[in-house]
Amino acid sequence: MKSFFHSPIFLGAIICSVVAAVVYGMLLVGSPAEQRARQFDQRRTSDLQQISSAVQMYWEQQRKLPQGFDDLKQQQFAYIQSVQDPETKVLYEYRVLGEKTYELCAVFATDSSQVEAKTKTTTPFSAEQWNHTKGRTCFAREVQSVSNEDYQIRSFVPTR
């Protein structure tokens, strides 16, 4: 007599369980293509944050906005990993809007609010201002004036 563990019903139940676990896992975290798209969007967001920081540093030193990415590359203190999309290799868009305002644009593969809802994670505070929709998204930014008092406060020497 055959044991229960060698019966076709048991094997069928095992196969169904494995398939169900794989499908549930993909629903939970997304397919490999979705994960790849999220990683590219995280890189795009990181690049835009670095560019924005470099624009701020450039403005603090020059008291004007850079005209393009070439102006930022000339600054020794500004670290920018990339000014181009990691997937398509197309340059991000940078446009001066006013004396202290500019715009950064990129093409995203995902909607950050849907990713947040699907993964049930909250956006870190530093990334909140970079929430985006799927497709071309532009972020208007303004450089912040820093007074001499702010520099004095930031550069104080702690007492022991």
Protein backbone atom coordinates (compact mmCIF):
# COMPACT_ATOMS: atom_id res chain seq x y z
CA MET A 1 0.00 0.00 0.00
CA LYS A 2 1.26 3.50 -0.90
CA SER A 3 2.00 5.94 1.85
CA PHE A 4 0.11 9.24 1.98
CA PHE A 5 3.32 11.21 1.29
CA HIS A 6 3.73 9.53 -2.11
CA SER A 7 0.16 10.06 -3.24
CA PRO A 8 -0.68 12.40 -6.15
CA ILE A 9 -2.98 14.41 -3.86
CA PHE A 10 -0.14 15.20 -1.45
CA LEU A 11 2.22 16.16 -4.29
CA GLY A 12 -0.49 18.35 -5.82
CA ALA A 13 -1.06 20.08 -2.48
CA ILE A 14 2.67 20.76 -2.11
CA ILE A 15 2.95 22.18 -5.64
CA CYS A 16 -0.12 24.39 -5.09
CA SER A 17 1.34 25.65 -1.80
CA VAL A 18 4.66 26.57 -3.42
CA VAL A 19 2.95 28.34 -6.34
CA ALA A 20 0.67 30.23 -3.93
CA ALA A 21 3.67 31.32 -1.83
CA VAL A 22 5.52 32.60 -4.92
CA VAL A 23 2.45 34.48 -6.18
CA TYR A 24 1.84 35.98 -2.73
CA GLY A 25 5.47 37.06 -2.50
CA MET A 26 5.31 38.77 -5.89
CA LEU A 27 2.10 40.54 -4.90
CA LEU A 28 3.72 41.69 -1.69
CA VAL A 29 7.03 43.01 -3.04
CA GLY A 30 6.34 43.23 -6.76
CA SER A 31 7.86 41.53 -9.71
CA PRO A 32 11.57 41.76 -10.47
CA ALA A 33 10.73 44.38 -13.14
CA GLU A 34 8.84 46.49 -10.58
CA GLN A 35 11.74 46.23 -8.15
CA ARG A 36 14.15 47.32 -10.85
CA ALA A 37 11.92 50.31 -11.73
CA ARG A 38 11.80 51.34 -8.05
CA GLN A 39 15.58 51.14 -7.78
CA PHE A 40 16.00 53.34 -10.85
CA ASP A 41 13.55 55.86 -9.39
CA GLN A 42 15.40 55.87 -6.06
CA ARG A 43 18.61 56.61 -7.96
CA ARG A 44 16.87 59.41 -9.92
CA THR A 45 15.63 60.95 -6.68
CA SER A 46 19.09 60.71 -5.13
CA ASP A 47 20.66 62.34 -8.19
CA LEU A 48 18.16 65.21 -8.11
CA GLN A 49 18.80 65.75 -4.38
CA GLN A 50 22.54 65.95 -5.03
CA ILE A 51 22.04 68.36 -7.93
CA SER A 52 19.77 70.53 -5.78
CA SER A 53 22.37 70.63 -3.00
CA ALA A 54 25.07 71.55 -5.50
CA VAL A 55 22.90 74.36 -6.91
CA GLN A 56 22.45 75.69 -3.37
CA MET A 57 26.21 75.59 -2.71
CA TYR A 58 26.91 77.24 -6.06
CA TRP A 59 24.44 80.03 -5.27
CA GLU A 60 25.97 80.57 -1.80
CA GLN A 61 29.39 81.02 -3.38
CA GLN A 62 28.52 82.86 -6.62
CA ARG A 63 25.26 84.63 -5.60
CA LYS A 64 23.72 83.49 -8.86
CA LEU A 65 22.26 80.28 -10.18
CA PRO A 66 24.35 78.08 -12.44
CA GLN A 67 23.35 78.23 -16.09
CA GLY A 68 23.75 74.48 -16.53
CA PHE A 69 25.40 71.33 -15.27
CA ASP A 70 28.80 72.42 -16.62
CA ASP A 71 28.85 75.27 -14.07
CA LEU A 72 28.25 72.75 -11.27
CA LYS A 73 30.98 70.40 -12.47
CA GLN A 74 33.53 73.20 -12.10
CA GLN A 75 32.85 73.45 -8.37
CA GLN A 76 35.31 71.36 -6.40
CA PHE A 77 33.09 71.08 -3.33
CA ALA A 78 29.94 69.89 -5.09
CA TYR A 79 29.60 66.12 -5.27
CA ILE A 80 27.14 64.99 -7.89
CA GLN A 81 27.03 61.31 -8.70
CA SER A 82 25.30 61.83 -12.04
CA VAL A 83 23.40 64.41 -14.09
CA GLN A 84 21.88 61.78 -16.36
CA ASP A 85 19.16 59.19 -16.01
CA PRO A 86 20.68 55.85 -14.84
CA GLU A 87 18.53 53.84 -17.23
CA THR A 88 18.20 55.94 -20.40
CA LYS A 89 21.43 57.97 -20.03
CA VAL A 90 19.46 61.12 -21.00
CA LEU A 91 20.46 64.26 -19.09
CA TYR A 92 18.10 65.43 -16.37
CA GLU A 93 16.47 68.76 -17.16
CA TYR A 94 17.64 71.90 -15.36
CA ARG A 95 16.10 75.27 -16.08
CA VAL A 96 16.53 78.66 -14.38
CA LEU A 97 13.10 80.19 -13.65
CA GLY A 98 14.10 83.36 -11.81
CA GLU A 99 16.84 84.99 -9.81
CA LYS A 100 16.62 82.37 -7.04
CA THR A 101 14.31 79.74 -8.53
CA TYR A 102 14.99 76.81 -10.81
CA GLU A 103 13.42 73.58 -11.96
CA LEU A 104 14.72 70.02 -12.08
CA CYS A 105 12.91 67.40 -14.18
CA ALA A 106 13.23 63.65 -14.62
CA VAL A 107 11.19 60.82 -16.10
CA PHE A 108 10.13 58.33 -13.43
CA ALA A 109 8.99 54.75 -13.94
CA THR A 110 6.75 54.60 -10.86
CA ASP A 111 4.40 56.76 -8.81
CA SER A 112 6.00 57.27 -5.40
CA SER A 113 2.64 57.41 -3.61
CA GLN A 114 1.63 54.01 -5.03
CA VAL A 115 4.99 52.50 -4.07
CA GLU A 116 4.57 53.85 -0.55
CA ALA A 117 1.03 52.45 -0.29
CA LYS A 118 2.00 49.07 -1.74
CA THR A 119 5.06 48.57 0.46
CA LYS A 120 3.36 50.13 3.51
CA THR A 121 6.43 52.22 4.22
CA THR A 122 6.51 55.93 4.83
CA THR A 123 8.66 58.30 2.84
CA PRO A 124 11.69 59.51 4.80
CA PHE A 125 11.46 63.19 5.75
CA SER A 126 14.35 64.16 3.44
CA ALA A 127 12.65 62.56 0.45
CA GLU A 128 9.15 63.98 1.01
CA GLN A 129 9.79 66.93 -1.24
CA TRP A 130 10.70 64.54 -4.08
CA ASN A 131 7.37 62.70 -4.34
CA HIS A 132 6.66 62.05 -8.00
CA THR A 133 4.17 60.60 -10.43
CA LYS A 134 4.92 58.14 -13.18
CA GLY A 135 6.36 59.88 -16.23
CA ARG A 136 7.98 63.29 -16.55
CA THR A 137 7.92 65.16 -13.25
CA CYS A 138 9.40 68.60 -12.55
CA PHE A 139 10.35 70.04 -9.18
CA ALA A 140 10.46 73.82 -8.75
CA ARG A 141 13.07 74.81 -6.19
CA GLU A 142 14.30 78.03 -4.63
CA VAL A 143 17.76 78.59 -3.21
CA GLN A 144 17.78 79.72 0.40
CA SER A 145 19.62 82.82 1.53
CA VAL A 146 22.05 82.20 4.32
CA SER A 147 23.00 85.24 6.39
CA ASN A 148 26.31 85.80 8.16
CA GLU A 149 24.53 85.08 11.46
CA ASP A 150 23.54 81.66 10.15
CA TYR A 151 27.15 80.97 9.24
CA GLN A 152 28.28 82.02 12.72
CA ILE A 153 25.71 79.75 14.33
CA ARG A 154 26.69 76.83 12.13
CA SER A 155 30.41 77.28 12.62
CA PHE A 156 30.52 77.61 16.40
CA VAL A 157 33.11 75.63 18.32
CA PRO A 158 31.52 73.52 21.05
CA THR A 159 32.78 74.16 24.55
CA ARG A 160 34.03 71.33 26.65
